[in-house]
C-alpha cells in the first residue's frame, strides 16, 4: 500500500478492504502509517464503514470491561456442575 504521488493524500481503498482490515486496525496491529492513513481516510468519508468501526470499537470496550468482572458464585457452580456431567 503506497500513497499517491506528492499530494500527501492517502490512496483510496474500498469498503471491502476497509472491512477486511478493520479488526487489525482497531486492535492496533497495523503499524504502517500509510496503511493507517488509508483506513482512516476511508472511515472519514464512508458513513457505513465508520458506523461499523464505531460499533466494533464500542463492543470491544464493553467486552474488555465485562471480562474484568467475576461471574456470580451461582453461575460458577452451575458451570462446574455442567462440566462434571460431561
Protein backbone atom coordinates (compact mmCIF):
# COMPACT_ATOMS: atom_id res chain seq x y z
CA UNK A 1 0.00 0.00 0.00
CA UNK A 2 1.53 3.30 -1.02
CA UNK A 3 0.48 6.92 -1.17
CA UNK A 4 -0.33 8.80 -4.36
CA UNK A 5 2.46 10.96 -5.77
CA UNK A 6 3.37 14.15 -3.93
CA UNK A 7 -0.12 15.20 -2.89
CA UNK A 8 0.14 13.51 0.51
CA UNK A 9 -3.44 12.27 0.09
CA UNK A 10 -3.79 8.61 1.01
CA UNK A 11 -4.57 6.14 -1.74
CA UNK A 12 -8.30 5.36 -1.88
CA UNK A 13 -9.47 1.99 -0.61
CA UNK A 14 -12.92 0.49 -0.93
CA UNK A 15 -15.35 -0.79 1.65
CA UNK A 16 -14.25 -4.41 1.23
CA UNK A 17 -10.60 -3.64 2.02
CA UNK A 18 -11.65 -1.37 4.87
CA UNK A 19 -13.79 -4.08 6.50
CA UNK A 20 -11.14 -6.77 5.88
CA UNK A 21 -8.57 -4.71 7.81
CA UNK A 22 -10.94 -3.24 10.40
CA UNK A 23 -10.15 -5.60 13.29
CA UNK A 24 -6.40 -5.33 12.80
CA UNK A 25 -6.78 -1.54 12.68
CA UNK A 26 -8.92 -1.38 15.83
CA UNK A 27 -6.55 -3.74 17.66
CA UNK A 28 -3.54 -1.57 16.77
CA UNK A 29 -1.94 -4.34 14.72
CA UNK A 30 -1.40 -2.16 11.64
CA UNK A 31 1.90 -0.32 12.02
CA UNK A 32 2.48 1.20 8.56
CA UNK A 33 1.44 4.89 8.73
CA UNK A 34 0.40 4.81 5.05
CA UNK A 35 -1.94 1.87 5.70
CA UNK A 36 -3.40 3.58 8.78
CA UNK A 37 -3.92 6.77 6.77
CA UNK A 38 -5.80 4.86 4.05
CA UNK A 39 -8.17 3.25 6.52
CA UNK A 40 -8.76 6.49 8.42
CA UNK A 41 -9.31 8.35 5.15
CA UNK A 42 -11.93 5.80 4.10
CA UNK A 43 -13.63 5.85 7.51
CA UNK A 44 -13.71 9.64 7.31
CA UNK A 45 -15.63 9.51 4.03
CA UNK A 46 -17.77 6.36 4.28
CA UNK A 47 -20.59 6.58 6.78
CA UNK A 48 -21.35 2.86 6.56
CA UNK A 49 -17.80 1.73 7.35
CA UNK A 50 -17.41 4.42 10.02
CA UNK A 51 -20.60 3.18 11.71
CA UNK A 52 -19.32 -0.40 11.58
CA UNK A 53 -15.98 0.65 13.05
CA UNK A 54 -17.69 2.55 15.87
CA UNK A 55 -19.92 -0.42 16.66
CA UNK A 56 -16.94 -2.78 16.78
CA UNK A 57 -14.88 -0.33 18.86
CA UNK A 58 -17.67 0.13 21.41
CA UNK A 59 -18.33 -3.60 21.56
CA UNK A 60 -14.63 -4.27 22.24
CA UNK A 61 -14.65 -1.73 25.08
CA UNK A 62 -17.71 -3.36 26.66
CA UNK A 63 -16.27 -6.86 26.28
CA UNK A 64 -13.00 -5.81 27.92
CA UNK A 65 -14.94 -4.26 30.81
CA UNK A 66 -17.14 -7.34 31.20
CA UNK A 67 -14.11 -9.61 31.12
CA UNK A 68 -12.72 -7.99 34.22
CA UNK A 69 -15.79 -8.89 36.29
CA UNK A 70 -16.15 -12.21 38.09
CA UNK A 71 -19.18 -14.38 37.40
CA UNK A 72 -21.59 -14.79 40.33
CA UNK A 73 -20.97 -17.84 42.55
CA UNK A 74 -24.25 -19.43 41.45
CA UNK A 75 -23.24 -19.28 37.79
CA UNK A 76 -19.79 -20.66 38.56
CA UNK A 77 -21.34 -23.59 40.42
CA UNK A 78 -23.78 -24.34 37.59
CA UNK A 79 -20.93 -24.33 35.07
CA UNK A 80 -18.79 -26.61 37.24
CA UNK A 81 -21.73 -28.99 37.60
CA UNK A 82 -22.31 -28.98 33.84
CA UNK A 83 -18.63 -29.70 33.18
CA UNK A 84 -18.62 -32.57 35.67
CA UNK A 85 -21.54 -34.16 33.80
CA UNK A 86 -19.65 -34.13 30.50
